[in-house]
Amino acid sequence: PSNPSAWISLVRVEESSGNITQARSSIADALQACPDEEEVWIEAIRLAPRSEVTAIVDRALHRLPKSVKLWLAAVEMRGPADVLGAKRLLRRALTELPKEAALWKALVEREEDAE
């Protein structure tokens, strides 16, 4: 199927039934079927094992460098403890989207968190 919503629904059903391995396999299939859908990438980032998050974020941002939602999801995945990493990622996002207010706002918020 090439419907990203259907893939995401399938993945969430598998996850809610406790089958995280199958959910991760299905999201990998979804990325093959819908490689330009930011919601599928966001779901893949959310489901990824910690050790694979950075690689998936890099692939997603390489594929969709103009996706504000994807950049912001990647920043959120850094968590509140990694303010420096989040700021670096936001600066990288701003090289792609220098006029994007949401990215500037997120960077300012991280700067305030660091103080």
Protein backbone atom coordinates (compact mmCIF):
# COMPACT_ATOMS: atom_id res chain seq x y z
CA PRO A 1 0.00 0.00 0.00
CA SER A 2 1.09 3.55 -0.65
CA ASN A 3 -1.23 5.14 1.92
CA PRO A 4 0.90 6.49 4.80
CA SER A 5 -2.06 6.63 7.20
CA ALA A 6 -2.77 2.94 6.66
CA TRP A 7 0.87 2.05 7.35
CA ILE A 8 0.94 4.16 10.51
CA SER A 9 -2.31 2.59 11.73
CA LEU A 10 -0.88 -0.89 11.13
CA VAL A 11 2.30 -0.02 12.99
CA ARG A 12 0.38 1.37 15.96
CA VAL A 13 -1.86 -1.71 16.17
CA GLU A 14 1.23 -3.93 16.17
CA GLU A 15 2.89 -1.76 18.80
CA SER A 16 -0.19 -1.66 21.02
CA SER A 17 -0.42 -5.44 20.90
CA GLY A 18 3.13 -5.60 22.25
CA ASN A 19 4.81 -6.65 19.02
CA ILE A 20 7.44 -3.92 18.73
CA THR A 21 9.65 -6.04 16.46
CA GLN A 22 6.85 -6.42 13.94
CA ALA A 23 5.97 -2.72 14.29
CA ARG A 24 9.56 -1.77 13.46
CA SER A 25 9.57 -4.13 10.50
CA SER A 26 6.32 -2.63 9.23
CA ILE A 27 7.59 0.94 9.55
CA ALA A 28 10.66 -0.07 7.53
CA ASP A 29 8.30 -1.40 4.85
CA ALA A 30 6.31 1.83 5.06
CA LEU A 31 9.47 3.85 4.42
CA GLN A 32 10.07 1.78 1.28
CA ALA A 33 6.48 2.31 0.09
CA CYS A 34 6.17 5.99 1.10
CA PRO A 35 9.68 7.46 1.23
CA ASP A 36 8.53 11.06 0.81
CA GLU A 37 5.93 11.09 3.59
CA GLU A 38 7.11 13.02 6.63
CA GLU A 39 4.58 11.37 8.97
CA VAL A 40 6.02 7.94 8.14
CA TRP A 41 9.53 9.20 8.92
CA ILE A 42 8.33 10.76 12.19
CA GLU A 43 6.78 7.44 13.18
CA ALA A 44 9.99 5.62 12.24
CA ILE A 45 12.00 7.99 14.44
CA ARG A 46 9.58 7.49 17.32
CA LEU A 47 9.76 3.68 17.07
CA ALA A 48 13.49 3.38 16.49
CA PRO A 49 15.72 1.84 19.12
CA ARG A 50 17.84 4.53 20.76
CA SER A 51 20.94 3.22 18.99
CA GLU A 52 19.35 3.78 15.56
CA VAL A 53 17.60 7.12 16.04
CA THR A 54 20.45 9.27 14.74
CA ALA A 55 20.83 7.22 11.56
CA ILE A 56 17.09 7.35 10.86
CA VAL A 57 16.94 11.08 11.52
CA ASP A 58 19.85 11.62 9.13
CA ARG A 59 18.15 9.55 6.41
CA ALA A 60 14.86 11.38 6.94
CA LEU A 61 16.41 14.83 6.79
CA HIS A 62 18.47 13.88 3.75
CA ARG A 63 15.27 12.74 2.01
CA LEU A 64 13.08 15.67 3.14
CA PRO A 65 15.38 18.58 4.07
CA LYS A 66 12.58 21.16 3.76
CA SER A 67 10.21 19.46 6.22
CA VAL A 68 9.77 21.69 9.26
CA LYS A 69 7.77 18.97 11.06
CA LEU A 70 10.60 16.52 10.55
CA TRP A 71 13.25 18.94 11.84
CA LEU A 72 11.14 19.70 14.92
CA ALA A 73 10.46 16.01 15.55
CA ALA A 74 14.18 15.32 15.32
CA VAL A 75 14.86 18.07 17.87
CA GLU A 76 12.21 16.69 20.24
CA MET A 77 13.76 13.23 20.02
CA ARG A 78 16.92 14.73 21.50
CA GLY A 79 15.03 15.13 24.78
CA PRO A 80 15.31 17.94 27.31
CA ALA A 81 18.74 16.87 28.55
CA ASP A 82 20.48 17.32 25.19
CA VAL A 83 20.09 21.08 24.77
CA LEU A 84 23.43 21.40 22.97
CA GLY A 85 22.55 18.67 20.44
CA ALA A 86 19.11 20.21 19.87
CA LYS A 87 20.64 23.63 19.24
CA ARG A 88 23.13 22.16 16.76
CA LEU A 89 20.32 20.41 14.93
CA LEU A 90 18.24 23.60 14.84
CA ARG A 91 21.16 25.58 13.44
CA ARG A 92 21.49 22.94 10.72
CA ALA A 93 17.74 23.19 10.06
CA LEU A 94 18.04 26.95 9.70
CA THR A 95 20.65 26.55 6.96
CA GLU A 96 17.96 24.70 4.98
CA LEU A 97 15.04 26.89 6.03
CA PRO A 98 16.43 30.27 7.15
CA LYS A 99 13.07 32.05 7.14
CA GLU A 100 11.13 29.43 9.08
CA ALA A 101 9.73 31.07 12.22
CA ALA A 102 8.99 27.80 14.02
CA LEU A 103 12.65 26.78 13.82
CA TRP A 104 13.83 30.17 15.09
CA LYS A 105 11.32 29.96 17.95
CA ALA A 106 12.56 26.50 18.90
CA LEU A 107 16.18 27.72 18.87
CA VAL A 108 15.35 30.70 21.09
CA GLU A 109 13.56 28.37 23.51
CA ARG A 110 16.65 26.14 23.68
CA GLU A 111 18.85 29.18 24.26
CA GLU A 112 16.61 30.19 27.18
CA ASP A 113 16.77 26.62 28.55
CA ALA A 114 20.57 26.82 28.54
CA GLU A 115 20.60 29.93 30.71
